[in-house]
């Protein structure tokens, strides 16, 4: 199974984002007007989201708080899934201001430290794609859970809706740890009442045609699929916020 191949690949990688651990706050990348490349690599689907129009500078502000997958490791910013989600929303008549706040090597603790700075931008929606690096380091999941809870709580207190993106860790960390990690996201989503994408890399993880040579980070074609995984969950949040007056 593709998910199993993905987990095996994860076992040989220390971080989602390379050798560095950069938790310091940095200005997030806002998607630009340059269209991304639409390469036709093997495995690309005919239903690919094609970024042919620039992401608009109007509409609800959507902040993607994540690690190297969100940042689009190895790719141009326009090829990463947050920009593609913005393109798809705009094509559907739901323009949104997309802010890519992905940082390679980031953990839930790093994301929490950056959150206050990001919330000053008054986002309408915060998409949380963190925790993969916590799992790969074998960090205490109680701390990871506490960090995610605080991220959700602070984002809501600032007036934002929240979407949680789930991840997996390889089984070599032990079945108990891997199982607890897998259960963490759906349990948090239930308890906190937030929507969830169960596995961000569904349909991409483990497929060599859709990942860079490291076997972890998606290619442009892989990000097309990741964008579709996220689009269905973020669409109703953006739609609802678009009906409210701007903050």
C-alpha atoms as a PDB file:
ATOM      1  CA  UNK A   1       0.000   0.000   0.000  1.00  0.00           C
ATOM      2  CA  UNK A   2       1.145   3.529  -0.762  1.00  0.00           C
ATOM      3  CA  UNK A   3       0.669   4.662   2.815  1.00  0.00           C
ATOM      4  CA  UNK A   4       2.916   1.839   4.020  1.00  0.00           C
ATOM      5  CA  UNK A   5       5.642   2.802   1.532  1.00  0.00           C
ATOM      6  CA  UNK A   6       5.351   6.361   2.766  1.00  0.00           C
ATOM      7  CA  UNK A   7       5.813   5.279   6.376  1.00  0.00           C
ATOM      8  CA  UNK A   8       8.855   3.194   5.449  1.00  0.00           C
ATOM      9  CA  UNK A   9      10.357   6.213   3.685  1.00  0.00           C
ATOM     10  CA  UNK A  10       9.689   8.339   6.756  1.00  0.00           C
ATOM     11  CA  UNK A  11      11.667   5.921   8.889  1.00  0.00           C
ATOM     12  CA  UNK A  12      14.891   7.016   7.178  1.00  0.00           C
ATOM     13  CA  UNK A  13      14.294  10.738   7.574  1.00  0.00           C
ATOM     14  CA  UNK A  14      14.972  12.771  10.701  1.00  0.00           C
ATOM     15  CA  UNK A  15      12.869  15.831   9.852  1.00  0.00           C
ATOM     16  CA  UNK A  16      10.124  16.941   7.486  1.00  0.00           C
ATOM     17  CA  UNK A  17      12.256  19.545   5.863  1.00  0.00           C
ATOM     18  CA  UNK A  18      15.869  18.539   5.805  1.00  0.00           C
ATOM     19  CA  UNK A  19      18.744  18.918   8.198  1.00  0.00           C
ATOM     20  CA  UNK A  20      17.818  22.214   9.826  1.00  0.00           C
ATOM     21  CA  UNK A  21      15.420  22.953  12.655  1.00  0.00           C
ATOM     22  CA  UNK A  22      14.216  26.491  12.200  1.00  0.00           C
ATOM     23  CA  UNK A  23      11.618  27.420  14.767  1.00  0.00           C
ATOM     24  CA  UNK A  24      12.293  31.146  14.856  1.00  0.00           C
ATOM     25  CA  UNK A  25       9.482  33.448  13.664  1.00  0.00           C
ATOM     26  CA  UNK A  26       9.763  34.442  10.033  1.00  0.00           C
ATOM     27  CA  UNK A  27       7.551  36.530   7.775  1.00  0.00           C
ATOM     28  CA  UNK A  28       5.291  34.066   5.930  1.00  0.00           C
ATOM     29  CA  UNK A  29       5.220  33.906   2.171  1.00  0.00           C
ATOM     30  CA  UNK A  30       2.122  35.347   0.571  1.00  0.00           C
ATOM     31  CA  UNK A  31       1.365  33.778  -2.774  1.00  0.00           C
ATOM     32  CA  UNK A  32       2.453  35.919  -5.678  1.00  0.00           C
ATOM     33  CA  UNK A  33       0.922  36.549  -9.057  1.00  0.00           C
ATOM     34  CA  UNK A  34       3.276  34.380 -11.078  1.00  0.00           C
ATOM     35  CA  UNK A  35       1.598  31.179 -12.243  1.00  0.00           C
ATOM     36  CA  UNK A  36       3.169  27.934 -11.172  1.00  0.00           C
ATOM     37  CA  UNK A  37       4.587  25.406 -13.603  1.00  0.00           C
ATOM     38  CA  UNK A  38       2.161  22.671 -14.650  1.00  0.00           C
ATOM     39  CA  UNK A  39       4.547  19.877 -15.538  1.00  0.00           C
ATOM     40  CA  UNK A  40       3.151  16.660 -16.928  1.00  0.00           C
ATOM     41  CA  UNK A  41       5.084  14.076 -14.970  1.00  0.00           C
ATOM     42  CA  UNK A  42       4.029  10.443 -14.833  1.00  0.00           C
ATOM     43  CA  UNK A  43       1.268   9.936 -12.339  1.00  0.00           C
ATOM     44  CA  UNK A  44      -0.249  13.386 -12.792  1.00  0.00           C
ATOM     45  CA  UNK A  45      -4.008  13.202 -12.936  1.00  0.00           C
ATOM     46  CA  UNK A  46      -6.323  14.743 -15.489  1.00  0.00           C
ATOM     47  CA  UNK A  47      -8.176  16.464 -12.630  1.00  0.00           C
ATOM     48  CA  UNK A  48      -5.129  18.457 -11.569  1.00  0.00           C
ATOM     49  CA  UNK A  49      -5.771  21.918 -10.165  1.00  0.00           C
ATOM     50  CA  UNK A  50      -4.168  24.195 -12.722  1.00  0.00           C
ATOM     51  CA  UNK A  51      -2.794  27.442 -11.274  1.00  0.00           C
ATOM     52  CA  UNK A  52      -3.484  29.588 -14.321  1.00  0.00           C
ATOM     53  CA  UNK A  53      -4.715  32.692 -12.513  1.00  0.00           C
ATOM     54  CA  UNK A  54      -3.032  34.680  -9.739  1.00  0.00           C
ATOM     55  CA  UNK A  55      -4.376  34.311  -6.210  1.00  0.00           C
ATOM     56  CA  UNK A  56      -6.430  37.392  -5.473  1.00  0.00           C
ATOM     57  CA  UNK A  57      -5.516  39.912  -2.793  1.00  0.00           C
ATOM     58  CA  UNK A  58      -9.125  40.133  -1.651  1.00  0.00           C
ATOM     59  CA  UNK A  59     -11.410  37.879   0.349  1.00  0.00           C
ATOM     60  CA  UNK A  60     -10.896  36.031   3.635  1.00  0.00           C
ATOM     61  CA  UNK A  61      -7.307  35.681   4.812  1.00  0.00           C
ATOM     62  CA  UNK A  62      -6.263  32.016   5.119  1.00  0.00           C
ATOM     63  CA  UNK A  63      -3.027  31.262   6.974  1.00  0.00           C
ATOM     64  CA  UNK A  64      -1.418  27.841   6.424  1.00  0.00           C
ATOM     65  CA  UNK A  65       0.659  27.118   9.542  1.00  0.00           C
ATOM     66  CA  UNK A  66       2.876  24.147   8.796  1.00  0.00           C
ATOM     67  CA  UNK A  67       6.249  22.552   8.137  1.00  0.00           C
ATOM     68  CA  UNK A  68       8.223  21.835   4.962  1.00  0.00           C
ATOM     69  CA  UNK A  69       5.306  20.158   3.187  1.00  0.00           C
ATOM     70  CA  UNK A  70       3.260  23.323   3.585  1.00  0.00           C
ATOM     71  CA  UNK A  71       6.278  25.430   2.640  1.00  0.00           C
ATOM     72  CA  UNK A  72       6.648  23.442  -0.593  1.00  0.00           C
ATOM     73  CA  UNK A  73      10.126  22.093   0.092  1.00  0.00           C
ATOM     74  CA  UNK A  74      12.185  22.030  -3.112  1.00  0.00           C
ATOM     75  CA  UNK A  75       9.564  23.894  -5.161  1.00  0.00           C
ATOM     76  CA  UNK A  76       8.526  27.425  -6.010  1.00  0.00           C
ATOM     77  CA  UNK A  77       5.958  28.914  -3.629  1.00  0.00           C
ATOM     78  CA  UNK A  78       3.363  28.939  -6.397  1.00  0.00           C
ATOM     79  CA  UNK A  79       3.665  25.156  -6.727  1.00  0.00           C
ATOM     80  CA  UNK A  80       2.954  24.397  -3.057  1.00  0.00           C
ATOM     81  CA  UNK A  81      -0.508  23.227  -2.085  1.00  0.00           C
ATOM     82  CA  UNK A  82      -1.549  26.436  -0.233  1.00  0.00           C
ATOM     83  CA  UNK A  83      -1.172  28.463  -3.437  1.00  0.00           C
ATOM     84  CA  UNK A  84      -2.999  25.782  -5.409  1.00  0.00           C
ATOM     85  CA  UNK A  85      -5.861  25.810  -2.906  1.00  0.00           C
ATOM     86  CA  UNK A  86      -6.079  29.568  -3.384  1.00  0.00           C
ATOM     87  CA  UNK A  87      -6.146  29.154  -7.146  1.00  0.00           C
ATOM     88  CA  UNK A  88      -8.936  26.601  -6.935  1.00  0.00           C
ATOM     89  CA  UNK A  89     -10.994  28.749  -4.566  1.00  0.00           C
ATOM     90  CA  UNK A  90     -10.632  31.762  -6.848  1.00  0.00           C
ATOM     91  CA  UNK A  91     -11.741  29.676  -9.829  1.00  0.00           C
ATOM     92  CA  UNK A  92     -14.861  28.734  -7.865  1.00  0.00           C
ATOM     93  CA  UNK A  93     -15.675  32.354  -7.137  1.00  0.00           C
ATOM     94  CA  UNK A  94     -14.306  32.244  -3.574  1.00  0.00           C
ATOM     95  CA  UNK A  95     -11.276  34.536  -3.651  1.00  0.00           C
ATOM     96  CA  UNK A  96      -9.034  34.290  -0.604  1.00  0.00           C
ATOM     97  CA  UNK A  97      -5.814  35.886   0.585  1.00  0.00           C
ATOM     98  CA  UNK A  98      -3.471  32.916   1.016  1.00  0.00           C
ATOM     99  CA  UNK A  99      -0.565  33.203   3.461  1.00  0.00           C
ATOM    100  CA  UNK A 100       1.931  30.331   3.382  1.00  0.00           C
ATOM    101  CA  UNK A 101       3.410  30.175   6.890  1.00  0.00           C
ATOM    102  CA  UNK A 102       5.200  26.866   6.387  1.00  0.00           C
ATOM    103  CA  UNK A 103       8.693  26.530   7.899  1.00  0.00           C
ATOM    104  CA  UNK A 104      10.921  23.539   7.189  1.00  0.00           C
ATOM    105  CA  UNK A 105      11.663  21.485  10.274  1.00  0.00           C
ATOM    106  CA  UNK A 106       8.903  23.123  12.304  1.00  0.00           C
ATOM    107  CA  UNK A 107       7.281  21.333  15.232  1.00  0.00           C
ATOM    108  CA  UNK A 108       4.052  22.033  17.087  1.00  0.00           C
ATOM    109  CA  UNK A 109       6.121  23.979  19.634  1.00  0.00           C
ATOM    110  CA  UNK A 110       7.711  26.062  16.886  1.00  0.00           C
ATOM    111  CA  UNK A 111       4.348  26.751  15.306  1.00  0.00           C
ATOM    112  CA  UNK A 112       2.936  27.834  18.648  1.00  0.00           C
ATOM    113  CA  UNK A 113       5.843  30.230  19.153  1.00  0.00           C
ATOM    114  CA  UNK A 114       5.165  31.797  15.753  1.00  0.00           C
ATOM    115  CA  UNK A 115       1.413  31.964  16.186  1.00  0.00           C
ATOM    116  CA  UNK A 116       1.040  35.292  17.980  1.00  0.00           C
ATOM    117  CA  UNK A 117       2.925  37.059  15.197  1.00  0.00           C
ATOM    118  CA  UNK A 118       0.718  35.421  12.574  1.00  0.00           C
ATOM    119  CA  UNK A 119      -2.498  36.240  14.417  1.00  0.00           C
ATOM    120  CA  UNK A 120      -1.627  39.931  14.214  1.00  0.00           C
ATOM    121  CA  UNK A 121      -2.541  39.608  10.544  1.00  0.00           C
ATOM    122  CA  UNK A 122      -6.110  38.820  11.662  1.00  0.00           C
ATOM    123  CA  UNK A 123      -6.626  35.604   9.679  1.00  0.00           C
ATOM    124  CA  UNK A 124     -10.147  34.411   9.022  1.00  0.00           C
ATOM    125  CA  UNK A 125      -9.016  30.781   8.739  1.00  0.00           C
ATOM    126  CA  UNK A 126      -5.949  29.033  10.180  1.00  0.00           C
ATOM    127  CA  UNK A 127      -5.009  25.708   8.584  1.00  0.00           C
ATOM    128  CA  UNK A 128      -2.775  23.745  10.988  1.00  0.00           C
ATOM    129  CA  UNK A 129      -0.425  21.258   9.334  1.00  0.00           C
ATOM    130  CA  UNK A 130       1.970  20.494  12.191  1.00  0.00           C
ATOM    131  CA  UNK A 131       3.047  17.453  14.191  1.00  0.00           C
ATOM    132  CA  UNK A 132       4.909  15.357  11.624  1.00  0.00           C
ATOM    133  CA  UNK A 133       8.286  16.487  12.936  1.00  0.00           C
ATOM    134  CA  UNK A 134       7.180  15.882  16.510  1.00  0.00           C
ATOM    135  CA  UNK A 135       6.462  12.279  15.577  1.00  0.00           C
ATOM    136  CA  UNK A 136       9.670  11.765  13.632  1.00  0.00           C
ATOM    137  CA  UNK A 137      11.658  12.981  16.639  1.00  0.00           C
ATOM    138  CA  UNK A 138       9.689  10.750  18.976  1.00  0.00           C
ATOM    139  CA  UNK A 139       8.633  13.737  21.075  1.00  0.00           C
ATOM    140  CA  UNK A 140       6.237  13.365  23.968  1.00  0.00           C
ATOM    141  CA  UNK A 141       2.782  13.351  22.397  1.00  0.00           C
ATOM    142  CA  UNK A 142       1.269  14.928  25.487  1.00  0.00           C
ATOM    143  CA  UNK A 143       3.310  18.037  24.738  1.00  0.00           C
ATOM    144  CA  UNK A 144       2.406  17.889  21.047  1.00  0.00           C
ATOM    145  CA  UNK A 145      -1.256  17.606  21.933  1.00  0.00           C
ATOM    146  CA  UNK A 146      -1.033  20.520  24.364  1.00  0.00           C
ATOM    147  CA  UNK A 147       0.633  22.644  21.677  1.00  0.00           C
ATOM    148  CA  UNK A 148      -2.031  21.811  19.102  1.00  0.00           C
ATOM    149  CA  UNK A 149      -4.781  22.555  21.594  1.00  0.00           C
ATOM    150  CA  UNK A 150      -3.263  25.945  22.352  1.00  0.00           C
ATOM    151  CA  UNK A 151      -2.847  26.721  18.652  1.00  0.00           C
ATOM    152  CA  UNK A 152      -6.534  25.993  18.093  1.00  0.00           C
ATOM    153  CA  UNK A 153      -7.584  27.917  21.213  1.00  0.00           C
ATOM    154  CA  UNK A 154      -5.508  31.003  20.411  1.00  0.00           C
ATOM    155  CA  UNK A 155      -6.624  31.026  16.781  1.00  0.00           C
ATOM    156  CA  UNK A 156     -10.268  30.854  17.794  1.00  0.00           C
ATOM    157  CA  UNK A 157      -9.801  33.529  20.439  1.00  0.00           C
ATOM    158  CA  UNK A 158      -8.401  35.751  17.689  1.00  0.00           C
ATOM    159  CA  UNK A 159     -11.587  35.197  15.673  1.00  0.00           C
ATOM    160  CA  UNK A 160     -10.334  32.590  13.187  1.00  0.00           C
ATOM    161  CA  UNK A 161     -11.849  29.289  12.138  1.00  0.00           C
ATOM    162  CA  UNK A 162      -9.436  26.339  12.289  1.00  0.00           C
ATOM    163  CA  UNK A 163      -8.796  23.336  10.040  1.00  0.00           C
ATOM    164  CA  UNK A 164      -6.569  20.499  11.303  1.00  0.00           C
ATOM    165  CA  UNK A 165      -4.417  18.437   8.923  1.00  0.00           C
ATOM    166  CA  UNK A 166      -3.559  14.912  10.089  1.00  0.00           C
ATOM    167  CA  UNK A 167      -0.269  13.067   9.606  1.00  0.00           C
ATOM    168  CA  UNK A 168       1.273   9.630  10.294  1.00  0.00           C
ATOM    169  CA  UNK A 169       4.591   8.329  11.647  1.00  0.00           C
ATOM    170  CA  UNK A 170       6.440   5.131  10.681  1.00  0.00           C
ATOM    171  CA  UNK A 171       5.842   1.923  12.656  1.00  0.00           C
ATOM    172  CA  UNK A 172       9.493   1.608  13.680  1.00  0.00           C
ATOM    173  CA  UNK A 173       8.711   4.084  16.458  1.00  0.00           C
ATOM    174  CA  UNK A 174       6.736   1.257  18.033  1.00  0.00           C
ATOM    175  CA  UNK A 175       3.104   0.276  17.493  1.00  0.00           C
ATOM    176  CA  UNK A 176       1.970   2.030  20.671  1.00  0.00           C
ATOM    177  CA  UNK A 177       3.545   5.385  19.760  1.00  0.00           C
ATOM    178  CA  UNK A 178       2.491   5.161  16.098  1.00  0.00           C
ATOM    179  CA  UNK A 179      -1.046   4.258  17.118  1.00  0.00           C
ATOM    180  CA  UNK A 180      -1.272   7.099  19.617  1.00  0.00           C
ATOM    181  CA  UNK A 181       0.031   9.500  16.986  1.00  0.00           C
ATOM    182  CA  UNK A 182      -2.501   8.294  14.411  1.00  0.00           C
ATOM    183  CA  UNK A 183      -5.355   8.672  16.892  1.00  0.00           C
ATOM    184  CA  UNK A 184      -4.252  12.120  18.067  1.00  0.00           C
ATOM    185  CA  UNK A 185      -5.674  14.155  15.186  1.00  0.00           C
ATOM    186  CA  UNK A 186      -9.171  12.647  14.939  1.00  0.00           C
ATOM    187  CA  UNK A 187      -9.530  12.743  18.714  1.00  0.00           C
ATOM    188  CA  UNK A 188      -8.518  16.401  18.878  1.00  0.00           C
ATOM    189  CA  UNK A 189     -10.847  17.235  16.007  1.00  0.00           C
ATOM    190  CA  UNK A 190     -13.754  15.577  17.827  1.00  0.00           C
ATOM    191  CA  UNK A 191     -13.008  17.112  21.191  1.00  0.00           C
ATOM    192  CA  UNK A 192     -12.341  20.597  19.879  1.00  0.00           C
ATOM    193  CA  UNK A 193     -15.060  20.540  17.240  1.00  0.00           C
ATOM    194  CA  UNK A 194     -12.802  21.443  14.322  1.00  0.00           C
ATOM    195  CA  UNK A 195     -12.825  19.952  10.813  1.00  0.00           C
ATOM    196  CA  UNK A 196     -10.090  17.475   9.953  1.00  0.00           C
ATOM    197  CA  UNK A 197      -8.247  16.211   6.892  1.00  0.00           C
ATOM    198  CA  UNK A 198      -7.362  12.725   8.247  1.00  0.00           C
ATOM    199  CA  UNK A 199      -4.094  12.322   6.299  1.00  0.00           C
ATOM    200  CA  UNK A 200      -2.653  15.302   4.434  1.00  0.00           C
ATOM    201  CA  UNK A 201      -0.649  13.119   2.029  1.00  0.00           C
ATOM    202  CA  UNK A 202      -3.456  10.705   1.130  1.00  0.00           C
ATOM    203  CA  UNK A 203      -2.900   9.485  -2.436  1.00  0.00           C
ATOM    204  CA  UNK A 204       0.635  10.924  -2.495  1.00  0.00           C
ATOM    205  CA  UNK A 205       2.637   9.330   0.311  1.00  0.00           C
ATOM    206  CA  UNK A 206       4.558   6.286  -0.879  1.00  0.00           C
ATOM    207  CA  UNK A 207       4.155   6.976  -4.605  1.00  0.00           C
ATOM    208  CA  UNK A 208       7.625   7.646  -6.094  1.00  0.00           C
ATOM    209  CA  UNK A 209       6.066   9.383  -9.101  1.00  0.00           C
ATOM    210  CA  UNK A 210       4.558  12.026  -6.827  1.00  0.00           C
ATOM    211  CA  UNK A 211       7.471  12.615  -4.463  1.00  0.00           C
ATOM    212  CA  UNK A 212      10.944  14.106  -4.699  1.00  0.00           C
ATOM    213  CA  UNK A 213      13.910  11.709  -4.486  1.00  0.00           C
ATOM    214  CA  UNK A 214      13.827  11.894  -0.672  1.00  0.00           C
ATOM    215  CA  UNK A 215      10.529   9.986  -0.808  1.00  0.00           C
ATOM    216  CA  UNK A 216       8.913  12.429   1.631  1.00  0.00           C
ATOM    217  CA  UNK A 217       8.218  15.754  -0.028  1.00  0.00           C
ATOM    218  CA  UNK A 218       5.673  15.943  -2.868  1.00  0.00           C
ATOM    219  CA  UNK A 219       6.507  16.974  -6.407  1.00  0.00           C
ATOM    220  CA  UNK A 220       4.409  19.683  -8.105  1.00  0.00           C
ATOM    221  CA  UNK A 221       2.061  16.921  -9.229  1.00  0.00           C
ATOM    222  CA  UNK A 222       1.926  15.579  -5.681  1.00  0.00           C
ATOM    223  CA  UNK A 223       1.008  19.011  -4.376  1.00  0.00           C
ATOM    224  CA  UNK A 224      -1.882  19.071  -6.839  1.00  0.00           C
ATOM    225  CA  UNK A 225      -3.346  16.046  -5.056  1.00  0.00           C
ATOM    226  CA  UNK A 226      -2.563  17.418  -1.598  1.00  0.00           C
ATOM    227  CA  UNK A 227      -4.387  20.607  -2.587  1.00  0.00           C
ATOM    228  CA  UNK A 228      -7.466  18.573  -3.479  1.00  0.00           C
ATOM    229  CA  UNK A 229      -7.227  16.763  -0.143  1.00  0.00           C
ATOM    230  CA  UNK A 230      -7.399  20.129   1.629  1.00  0.00           C
ATOM    231  CA  UNK A 231      -9.769  21.974  -0.685  1.00  0.00           C
ATOM    232  CA  UNK A 232     -12.926  20.123   0.297  1.00  0.00           C
ATOM    233  CA  UNK A 233     -12.372  20.863   3.988  1.00  0.00           C
ATOM    234  CA  UNK A 234     -11.268  24.491   3.667  1.00  0.00           C
ATOM    235  CA  UNK A 235     -13.919  25.498   1.126  1.00  0.00           C
ATOM    236  CA  UNK A 236     -16.863  25.725   3.570  1.00  0.00           C
ATOM    237  CA  UNK A 237     -14.748  27.720   6.041  1.00  0.00           C
ATOM    238  CA  UNK A 238     -13.783  30.265   3.397  1.00  0.00           C
ATOM    239  CA  UNK A 239     -17.324  30.389   2.059  1.00  0.00           C
ATOM    240  CA  UNK A 240     -18.724  31.100   5.504  1.00  0.00           C
ATOM    241  CA  UNK A 241     -16.153  33.816   6.209  1.00  0.00           C
ATOM    242  CA  UNK A 242     -16.722  35.402   2.817  1.00  0.00           C
ATOM    243  CA  UNK A 243     -20.317  36.070   3.864  1.00  0.00           C
ATOM    244  CA  UNK A 244     -19.184  38.051   6.920  1.00  0.00           C
ATOM    245  CA  UNK A 245     -17.925  41.651   6.887  1.00  0.00           C
ATOM    246  CA  UNK A 246     -14.141  41.992   6.765  1.00  0.00           C
ATOM    247  CA  UNK A 247     -12.463  42.341  10.162  1.00  0.00           C
END
